[in-house]
């Protein structure tokens, strides 16, 4: 089974899971979400939100990801810096 076949196979399950989670967030009030933590605890909620944010950001904004990784690397202090020996 190739990766693309596997991805297509689980795409429906991922979509249904996101849809159910979205509906649950619409139905839960603040007391259920924060105090009772009836569906997930806050650590699990943070993990879900971080994972989905990373997935969406890296798949739908690849130019921004490339730009931000390039922006993190400072320019060399002078030409030939990498070749200079201490």
PDB file of N, CA and C in Angstrom:
ATOM      1  N   UNK A   1       0.851  -1.181   0.000  1.00  0.00           N
ATOM      2  CA  UNK A   1       0.000   0.000   0.000  1.00  0.00           C
ATOM      3  C   UNK A   1       0.893   1.239   0.000  1.00  0.00           C
ATOM      4  N   UNK A   2       0.651   2.107  -0.947  1.00  0.00           N
ATOM      5  CA  UNK A   2       1.465   3.314  -1.051  1.00  0.00           C
ATOM      6  C   UNK A   2       0.991   4.366  -0.042  1.00  0.00           C
ATOM      7  N   UNK A   3       1.816   5.358   0.139  1.00  0.00           N
ATOM      8  CA  UNK A   3       1.494   6.421   1.090  1.00  0.00           C
ATOM      9  C   UNK A   3       0.256   7.194   0.642  1.00  0.00           C
ATOM     10  N   UNK A   4       0.158   7.486  -0.655  1.00  0.00           N
ATOM     11  CA  UNK A   4      -0.992   8.257  -1.137  1.00  0.00           C
ATOM     12  C   UNK A   4      -2.289   7.474  -0.957  1.00  0.00           C
ATOM     13  N   UNK A   5      -2.258   6.155  -1.152  1.00  0.00           N
ATOM     14  CA  UNK A   5      -3.450   5.334  -0.930  1.00  0.00           C
ATOM     15  C   UNK A   5      -3.828   5.335   0.538  1.00  0.00           C
ATOM     16  N   UNK A   6      -2.836   5.243   1.390  1.00  0.00           N
ATOM     17  CA  UNK A   6      -3.080   5.257   2.835  1.00  0.00           C
ATOM     18  C   UNK A   6      -3.661   6.603   3.266  1.00  0.00           C
ATOM     19  N   UNK A   7      -3.123   7.694   2.721  1.00  0.00           N
ATOM     20  CA  UNK A   7      -3.631   9.019   3.067  1.00  0.00           C
ATOM     21  C   UNK A   7      -5.073   9.194   2.620  1.00  0.00           C
ATOM     22  N   UNK A   8      -5.388   8.739   1.418  1.00  0.00           N
ATOM     23  CA  UNK A   8      -6.770   8.841   0.937  1.00  0.00           C
ATOM     24  C   UNK A   8      -7.705   8.004   1.789  1.00  0.00           C
ATOM     25  N   UNK A   9      -7.223   6.865   2.244  1.00  0.00           N
ATOM     26  CA  UNK A   9      -8.052   5.970   3.046  1.00  0.00           C
ATOM     27  C   UNK A   9      -8.400   6.605   4.389  1.00  0.00           C
ATOM     28  N   UNK A  10      -7.441   7.298   5.006  1.00  0.00           N
ATOM     29  CA  UNK A  10      -7.669   7.880   6.321  1.00  0.00           C
ATOM     30  C   UNK A  10      -8.153   9.324   6.266  1.00  0.00           C
ATOM     31  N   UNK A  11      -8.248   9.890   5.089  1.00  0.00           N
ATOM     32  CA  UNK A  11      -8.721  11.262   4.954  1.00  0.00           C
ATOM     33  C   UNK A  11     -10.152  11.412   5.471  1.00  0.00           C
ATOM     34  N   UNK A  12     -10.995  10.449   5.183  1.00  0.00           N
ATOM     35  CA  UNK A  12     -12.383  10.500   5.652  1.00  0.00           C
ATOM     36  C   UNK A  12     -12.449  10.425   7.170  1.00  0.00           C
ATOM     37  N   UNK A  13     -11.638   9.551   7.777  1.00  0.00           N
ATOM     38  CA  UNK A  13     -11.630   9.443   9.234  1.00  0.00           C
ATOM     39  C   UNK A  13     -11.139  10.735   9.874  1.00  0.00           C
ATOM     40  N   UNK A  14     -10.137  11.357   9.285  1.00  0.00           N
ATOM     41  CA  UNK A  14      -9.624  12.621   9.802  1.00  0.00           C
ATOM     42  C   UNK A  14     -10.688  13.709   9.691  1.00  0.00           C
ATOM     43  N   UNK A  15     -11.379  13.754   8.550  1.00  0.00           N
ATOM     44  CA  UNK A  15     -12.427  14.753   8.348  1.00  0.00           C
ATOM     45  C   UNK A  15     -13.557  14.554   9.355  1.00  0.00           C
ATOM     46  N   UNK A  16     -13.982  13.307   9.555  1.00  0.00           N
ATOM     47  CA  UNK A  16     -15.063  13.033  10.509  1.00  0.00           C
ATOM     48  C   UNK A  16     -14.623  13.405  11.922  1.00  0.00           C
ATOM     49  N   UNK A  17     -13.390  13.072  12.279  1.00  0.00           N
ATOM     50  CA  UNK A  17     -12.892  13.428  13.610  1.00  0.00           C
ATOM     51  C   UNK A  17     -12.862  14.928  13.831  1.00  0.00           C
ATOM     52  N   UNK A  18     -12.408  15.673  12.836  1.00  0.00           N
ATOM     53  CA  UNK A  18     -12.401  17.140  12.945  1.00  0.00           C
ATOM     54  C   UNK A  18     -13.810  17.700  13.029  1.00  0.00           C
ATOM     55  N   UNK A  19     -14.722  17.114  12.274  1.00  0.00           N
ATOM     56  CA  UNK A  19     -16.116  17.574  12.283  1.00  0.00           C
ATOM     57  C   UNK A  19     -16.771  17.328  13.645  1.00  0.00           C
ATOM     58  N   UNK A  20     -16.530  16.156  14.224  1.00  0.00           N
ATOM     59  CA  UNK A  20     -17.088  15.832  15.543  1.00  0.00           C
ATOM     60  C   UNK A  20     -16.487  16.746  16.606  1.00  0.00           C
ATOM     61  N   UNK A  21     -15.187  16.972  16.548  1.00  0.00           N
ATOM     62  CA  UNK A  21     -14.529  17.857  17.508  1.00  0.00           C
ATOM     63  C   UNK A  21     -15.059  19.283  17.384  1.00  0.00           C
ATOM     64  N   UNK A  22     -15.253  19.737  16.161  1.00  0.00           N
ATOM     65  CA  UNK A  22     -15.791  21.074  15.933  1.00  0.00           C
ATOM     66  C   UNK A  22     -17.201  21.204  16.503  1.00  0.00           C
ATOM     67  N   UNK A  23     -18.019  20.202  16.288  1.00  0.00           N
ATOM     68  CA  UNK A  23     -19.387  20.230  16.814  1.00  0.00           C
ATOM     69  C   UNK A  23     -19.377  20.200  18.341  1.00  0.00           C
ATOM     70  N   UNK A  24     -18.484  19.417  18.923  1.00  0.00           N
ATOM     71  CA  UNK A  24     -18.392  19.360  20.384  1.00  0.00           C
ATOM     72  C   UNK A  24     -17.990  20.707  20.958  1.00  0.00           C
ATOM     73  N   UNK A  25     -17.071  21.407  20.285  1.00  0.00           N
ATOM     74  CA  UNK A  25     -16.667  22.724  20.771  1.00  0.00           C
ATOM     75  C   UNK A  25     -17.805  23.732  20.682  1.00  0.00           C
ATOM     76  N   UNK A  26     -18.681  23.564  19.691  1.00  0.00           N
ATOM     77  CA  UNK A  26     -19.839  24.449  19.593  1.00  0.00           C
ATOM     78  C   UNK A  26     -20.851  24.183  20.705  1.00  0.00           C
ATOM     79  N   UNK A  27     -20.979  22.935  21.114  1.00  0.00           N
ATOM     80  CA  UNK A  27     -21.999  22.545  22.096  1.00  0.00           C
ATOM     81  C   UNK A  27     -21.536  22.807  23.527  1.00  0.00           C
ATOM     82  N   UNK A  28     -20.250  22.615  23.808  1.00  0.00           N
ATOM     83  CA  UNK A  28     -19.740  22.783  25.171  1.00  0.00           C
ATOM     84  C   UNK A  28     -19.773  24.243  25.591  1.00  0.00           C
ATOM     85  N   UNK A  29     -20.176  24.477  26.833  1.00  0.00           N
ATOM     86  CA  UNK A  29     -20.076  25.832  27.358  1.00  0.00           C
ATOM     87  C   UNK A  29     -18.754  25.954  28.122  1.00  0.00           C
ATOM     88  N   UNK A  30     -18.450  27.141  28.614  1.00  0.00           N
ATOM     89  CA  UNK A  30     -17.169  27.386  29.273  1.00  0.00           C
ATOM     90  C   UNK A  30     -16.971  26.510  30.502  1.00  0.00           C
ATOM     91  N   UNK A  31     -18.050  26.269  31.255  1.00  0.00           N
ATOM     92  CA  UNK A  31     -17.944  25.448  32.463  1.00  0.00           C
ATOM     93  C   UNK A  31     -17.556  24.012  32.101  1.00  0.00           C
ATOM     94  N   UNK A  32     -18.186  23.455  31.063  1.00  0.00           N
ATOM     95  CA  UNK A  32     -17.831  22.098  30.636  1.00  0.00           C
ATOM     96  C   UNK A  32     -16.398  22.046  30.117  1.00  0.00           C
ATOM     97  N   UNK A  33     -15.993  23.066  29.397  1.00  0.00           N
ATOM     98  CA  UNK A  33     -14.667  23.069  28.774  1.00  0.00           C
ATOM     99  C   UNK A  33     -13.556  23.238  29.802  1.00  0.00           C
ATOM    100  N   UNK A  34     -13.663  24.244  30.686  1.00  0.00           N
ATOM    101  CA  UNK A  34     -12.572  24.573  31.605  1.00  0.00           C
ATOM    102  C   UNK A  34     -12.669  23.857  32.952  1.00  0.00           C
ATOM    103  N   UNK A  35     -13.849  23.851  33.561  1.00  0.00           N
ATOM    104  CA  UNK A  35     -13.971  23.311  34.908  1.00  0.00           C
ATOM    105  C   UNK A  35     -14.155  21.799  34.910  1.00  0.00           C
ATOM    106  N   UNK A  36     -15.172  21.323  34.212  1.00  0.00           N
ATOM    107  CA  UNK A  36     -15.447  19.886  34.203  1.00  0.00           C
ATOM    108  C   UNK A  36     -14.495  19.114  33.298  1.00  0.00           C
ATOM    109  N   UNK A  37     -14.043  19.752  32.243  1.00  0.00           N
ATOM    110  CA  UNK A  37     -13.167  19.131  31.253  1.00  0.00           C
ATOM    111  C   UNK A  37     -13.746  17.773  30.841  1.00  0.00           C
ATOM    112  N   UNK A  38     -15.019  17.823  30.432  1.00  0.00           N
ATOM    113  CA  UNK A  38     -15.763  16.591  30.177  1.00  0.00           C
ATOM    114  C   UNK A  38     -15.282  15.825  28.949  1.00  0.00           C
ATOM    115  N   UNK A  39     -14.817  16.501  27.929  1.00  0.00           N
ATOM    116  CA  UNK A  39     -14.406  15.799  26.717  1.00  0.00           C
ATOM    117  C   UNK A  39     -12.910  15.479  26.739  1.00  0.00           C
ATOM    118  N   UNK A  40     -12.077  16.479  26.925  1.00  0.00           N
ATOM    119  CA  UNK A  40     -10.628  16.327  27.036  1.00  0.00           C
ATOM    120  C   UNK A  40     -10.146  17.230  28.161  1.00  0.00           C
ATOM    121  N   UNK A  41      -9.013  16.867  28.772  1.00  0.00           N
ATOM    122  CA  UNK A  41      -8.462  17.797  29.760  1.00  0.00           C
ATOM    123  C   UNK A  41      -7.728  18.908  29.016  1.00  0.00           C
ATOM    124  N   UNK A  42      -7.315  19.934  29.732  1.00  0.00           N
ATOM    125  CA  UNK A  42      -6.729  21.108  29.065  1.00  0.00           C
ATOM    126  C   UNK A  42      -5.407  20.788  28.377  1.00  0.00           C
ATOM    127  N   UNK A  43      -4.633  19.863  28.925  1.00  0.00           N
ATOM    128  CA  UNK A  43      -3.393  19.468  28.269  1.00  0.00           C
ATOM    129  C   UNK A  43      -3.654  18.795  26.931  1.00  0.00           C
ATOM    130  N   UNK A  44      -4.681  17.961  26.881  1.00  0.00           N
ATOM    131  CA  UNK A  44      -5.049  17.312  25.624  1.00  0.00           C
ATOM    132  C   UNK A  44      -5.592  18.331  24.625  1.00  0.00           C
ATOM    133  N   UNK A  45      -6.381  19.292  25.111  1.00  0.00           N
ATOM    134  CA  UNK A  45      -6.907  20.346  24.233  1.00  0.00           C
ATOM    135  C   UNK A  45      -5.762  21.151  23.619  1.00  0.00           C
ATOM    136  N   UNK A  46      -4.757  21.462  24.430  1.00  0.00           N
ATOM    137  CA  UNK A  46      -3.601  22.221  23.948  1.00  0.00           C
ATOM    138  C   UNK A  46      -2.844  21.416  22.894  1.00  0.00           C
ATOM    139  N   UNK A  47      -2.699  20.117  23.121  1.00  0.00           N
ATOM    140  CA  UNK A  47      -2.024  19.257  22.152  1.00  0.00           C
ATOM    141  C   UNK A  47      -2.765  19.183  20.833  1.00  0.00           C
ATOM    142  N   UNK A  48      -4.089  19.070  20.895  1.00  0.00           N
ATOM    143  CA  UNK A  48      -4.907  19.019  19.685  1.00  0.00           C
ATOM    144  C   UNK A  48      -4.785  20.334  18.915  1.00  0.00           C
ATOM    145  N   UNK A  49      -4.903  21.442  19.623  1.00  0.00           N
ATOM    146  CA  UNK A  49      -4.833  22.754  18.971  1.00  0.00           C
ATOM    147  C   UNK A  49      -3.460  22.993  18.348  1.00  0.00           C
ATOM    148  N   UNK A  50      -2.400  22.624  19.050  1.00  0.00           N
ATOM    149  CA  UNK A  50      -1.051  22.809  18.529  1.00  0.00           C
ATOM    150  C   UNK A  50      -0.815  21.947  17.295  1.00  0.00           C
ATOM    151  N   UNK A  51      -1.262  20.702  17.345  1.00  0.00           N
ATOM    152  CA  UNK A  51      -1.083  19.798  16.204  1.00  0.00           C
ATOM    153  C   UNK A  51      -1.833  20.290  14.975  1.00  0.00           C
ATOM    154  N   UNK A  52      -3.086  20.697  15.162  1.00  0.00           N
ATOM    155  CA  UNK A  52      -3.863  21.186  14.022  1.00  0.00           C
ATOM    156  C   UNK A  52      -3.298  22.491  13.478  1.00  0.00           C
ATOM    157  N   UNK A  53      -2.827  23.362  14.364  1.00  0.00           N
ATOM    158  CA  UNK A  53      -2.224  24.618  13.925  1.00  0.00           C
ATOM    159  C   UNK A  53      -0.974  24.349  13.092  1.00  0.00           C
ATOM    160  N   UNK A  54      -0.133  23.445  13.557  1.00  0.00           N
ATOM    161  CA  UNK A  54       1.081  23.103  12.818  1.00  0.00           C
ATOM    162  C   UNK A  54       0.744  22.475  11.478  1.00  0.00           C
ATOM    163  N   UNK A  55      -0.245  21.573  11.465  1.00  0.00           N
ATOM    164  CA  UNK A  55      -0.645  20.915  10.225  1.00  0.00           C
ATOM    165  C   UNK A  55      -1.154  21.917   9.198  1.00  0.00           C
ATOM    166  N   UNK A  56      -2.045  22.796   9.620  1.00  0.00           N
ATOM    167  CA  UNK A  56      -2.620  23.774   8.698  1.00  0.00           C
ATOM    168  C   UNK A  56      -1.562  24.765   8.240  1.00  0.00           C
ATOM    169  N   UNK A  57      -0.742  25.241   9.157  1.00  0.00           N
ATOM    170  CA  UNK A  57       0.276  26.233   8.807  1.00  0.00           C
ATOM    171  C   UNK A  57       1.293  25.664   7.827  1.00  0.00           C
ATOM    172  N   UNK A  58       1.731  24.424   8.060  1.00  0.00           N
ATOM    173  CA  UNK A  58       2.775  23.863   7.198  1.00  0.00           C
ATOM    174  C   UNK A  58       2.232  23.372   5.864  1.00  0.00           C
ATOM    175  N   UNK A  59       0.948  23.037   5.787  1.00  0.00           N
ATOM    176  CA  UNK A  59       0.397  22.567   4.513  1.00  0.00           C
ATOM    177  C   UNK A  59      -0.183  23.683   3.661  1.00  0.00           C
ATOM    178  N   UNK A  60      -0.699  24.737   4.274  1.00  0.00           N
ATOM    179  CA  UNK A  60      -1.345  25.793   3.501  1.00  0.00           C
ATOM    180  C   UNK A  60      -0.514  27.063   3.384  1.00  0.00           C
ATOM    181  N   UNK A  61       0.582  27.138   4.110  1.00  0.00           N
ATOM    182  CA  UNK A  61       1.444  28.318   4.045  1.00  0.00           C
ATOM    183  C   UNK A  61       2.896  27.904   3.872  1.00  0.00           C
ATOM    184  N   UNK A  62       3.223  27.089   2.865  1.00  0.00           N
ATOM    185  CA  UNK A  62       4.618  26.630   2.754  1.00  0.00           C
ATOM    186  C   UNK A  62       5.602  27.762   2.481  1.00  0.00           C
ATOM    187  N   UNK A  63       5.180  28.805   1.788  1.00  0.00           N
ATOM    188  CA  UNK A  63       6.080  29.928   1.530  1.00  0.00           C
ATOM    189  C   UNK A  63       6.407  30.654   2.830  1.00  0.00           C
ATOM    190  N   UNK A  64       5.426  30.786   3.708  1.00  0.00           N
ATOM    191  CA  UNK A  64       5.659  31.436   4.992  1.00  0.00           C
ATOM    192  C   UNK A  64       6.575  30.602   5.868  1.00  0.00           C
ATOM    193  N   UNK A  65       6.443  29.277   5.797  1.00  0.00           N
ATOM    194  CA  UNK A  65       7.319  28.403   6.573  1.00  0.00           C
ATOM    195  C   UNK A  65       8.748  28.529   6.078  1.00  0.00           C
ATOM    196  N   UNK A  66       8.952  28.540   4.767  1.00  0.00           N
ATOM    197  CA  UNK A  66      10.293  28.681   4.208  1.00  0.00           C
ATOM    198  C   UNK A  66      10.881  30.043   4.550  1.00  0.00           C
ATOM    199  N   UNK A  67      10.038  31.085   4.486  1.00  0.00           N
ATOM    200  CA  UNK A  67      10.505  32.429   4.795  1.00  0.00           C
ATOM    201  C   UNK A  67      10.902  32.548   6.268  1.00  0.00           C
ATOM    202  N   UNK A  68      10.099  31.952   7.166  1.00  0.00           N
ATOM    203  CA  UNK A  68      10.400  32.071   8.593  1.00  0.00           C
ATOM    204  C   UNK A  68      11.641  31.279   8.960  1.00  0.00           C
ATOM    205  N   UNK A  69      11.877  30.128   8.310  1.00  0.00           N
ATOM    206  CA  UNK A  69      13.098  29.378   8.622  1.00  0.00           C
ATOM    207  C   UNK A  69      14.324  30.093   8.067  1.00  0.00           C
ATOM    208  N   UNK A  70      14.180  30.761   6.929  1.00  0.00           N
ATOM    209  CA  UNK A  70      15.300  31.520   6.371  1.00  0.00           C
ATOM    210  C   UNK A  70      15.567  32.772   7.204  1.00  0.00           C
ATOM    211  N   UNK A  71      14.522  33.342   7.775  1.00  0.00           N
ATOM    212  CA  UNK A  71      14.681  34.554   8.575  1.00  0.00           C
ATOM    213  C   UNK A  71      15.394  34.267   9.894  1.00  0.00           C
ATOM    214  N   UNK A  72      15.316  33.018  10.372  1.00  0.00           N
ATOM    215  CA  UNK A  72      15.949  32.678  11.639  1.00  0.00           C
ATOM    216  C   UNK A  72      17.468  32.627  11.535  1.00  0.00           C
ATOM    217  N   UNK A  73      18.008  32.411  10.346  1.00  0.00           N
ATOM    218  CA  UNK A  73      19.447  32.293  10.181  1.00  0.00           C
ATOM    219  C   UNK A  73      20.049  33.676   9.923  1.00  0.00           C
ATOM    220  N   UNK A  74      20.879  34.149  10.840  1.00  0.00           N
ATOM    221  CA  UNK A  74      21.484  35.466  10.629  1.00  0.00           C
ATOM    222  C   UNK A  74      22.529  35.400   9.526  1.00  0.00           C
ATOM    223  N   UNK A  75      22.771  36.503   8.863  1.00  0.00           N
ATOM    224  CA  UNK A  75      23.803  36.516   7.819  1.00  0.00           C
ATOM    225  C   UNK A  75      25.181  36.370   8.454  1.00  0.00           C
ATOM    226  N   UNK A  76      26.146  35.875   7.699  1.00  0.00           N
ATOM    227  CA  UNK A  76      27.507  35.757   8.249  1.00  0.00           C
ATOM    228  C   UNK A  76      28.078  37.136   8.528  1.00  0.00           C
ATOM    229  N   UNK A  77      28.969  37.244   9.511  1.00  0.00           N
ATOM    230  CA  UNK A  77      29.511  38.552   9.881  1.00  0.00           C
ATOM    231  C   UNK A  77      30.376  39.181   8.789  1.00  0.00           C
ATOM    232  N   UNK A  78      31.051  38.370   7.967  1.00  0.00           N
ATOM    233  CA  UNK A  78      31.863  38.894   6.867  1.00  0.00           C
ATOM    234  C   UNK A  78      31.997  37.805   5.803  1.00  0.00           C
ATOM    235  N   UNK A  79      32.324  38.174   4.566  1.00  0.00           N
ATOM    236  CA  UNK A  79      32.472  37.173   3.519  1.00  0.00           C
ATOM    237  C   UNK A  79      33.565  36.169   3.871  1.00  0.00           C
ATOM    238  N   UNK A  80      33.326  34.910   3.589  1.00  0.00           N
ATOM    239  CA  UNK A  80      34.294  33.879   3.859  1.00  0.00           C
ATOM    240  C   UNK A  80      34.324  33.452   5.323  1.00  0.00           C
ATOM    241  N   UNK A  81      33.331  33.872   6.099  1.00  0.00           N
ATOM    242  CA  UNK A  81      33.279  33.568   7.536  1.00  0.00           C
ATOM    243  C   UNK A  81      33.284  32.072   7.797  1.00  0.00           C
ATOM    244  N   UNK A  82      32.525  31.290   7.013  1.00  0.00           N
ATOM    245  CA  UNK A  82      32.445  29.849   7.235  1.00  0.00           C
ATOM    246  C   UNK A  82      33.776  29.170   6.927  1.00  0.00           C
ATOM    247  N   UNK A  83      34.570  29.774   6.066  1.00  0.00           N
ATOM    248  CA  UNK A  83      35.841  29.165   5.690  1.00  0.00           C
ATOM    249  C   UNK A  83      36.985  29.545   6.615  1.00  0.00           C
ATOM    250  N   UNK A  84      36.780  30.580   7.420  1.00  0.00           N
ATOM    251  CA  UNK A  84      37.839  31.048   8.312  1.00  0.00           C
ATOM    252  C   UNK A  84      38.070  30.047   9.426  1.00  0.00           C
ATOM    253  N   UNK A  85      39.324  29.807   9.769  1.00  0.00           N
ATOM    254  CA  UNK A  85      39.636  28.897  10.867  1.00  0.00           C
ATOM    255  C   UNK A  85      39.956  29.714  12.112  1.00  0.00           C
ATOM    256  N   UNK A  86      39.623  29.167  13.273  1.00  0.00           N
ATOM    257  CA  UNK A  86      39.875  29.928  14.520  1.00  0.00           C
ATOM    258  C   UNK A  86      41.333  30.011  14.878  1.00  0.00           C
TER     259      UNK A  86
END
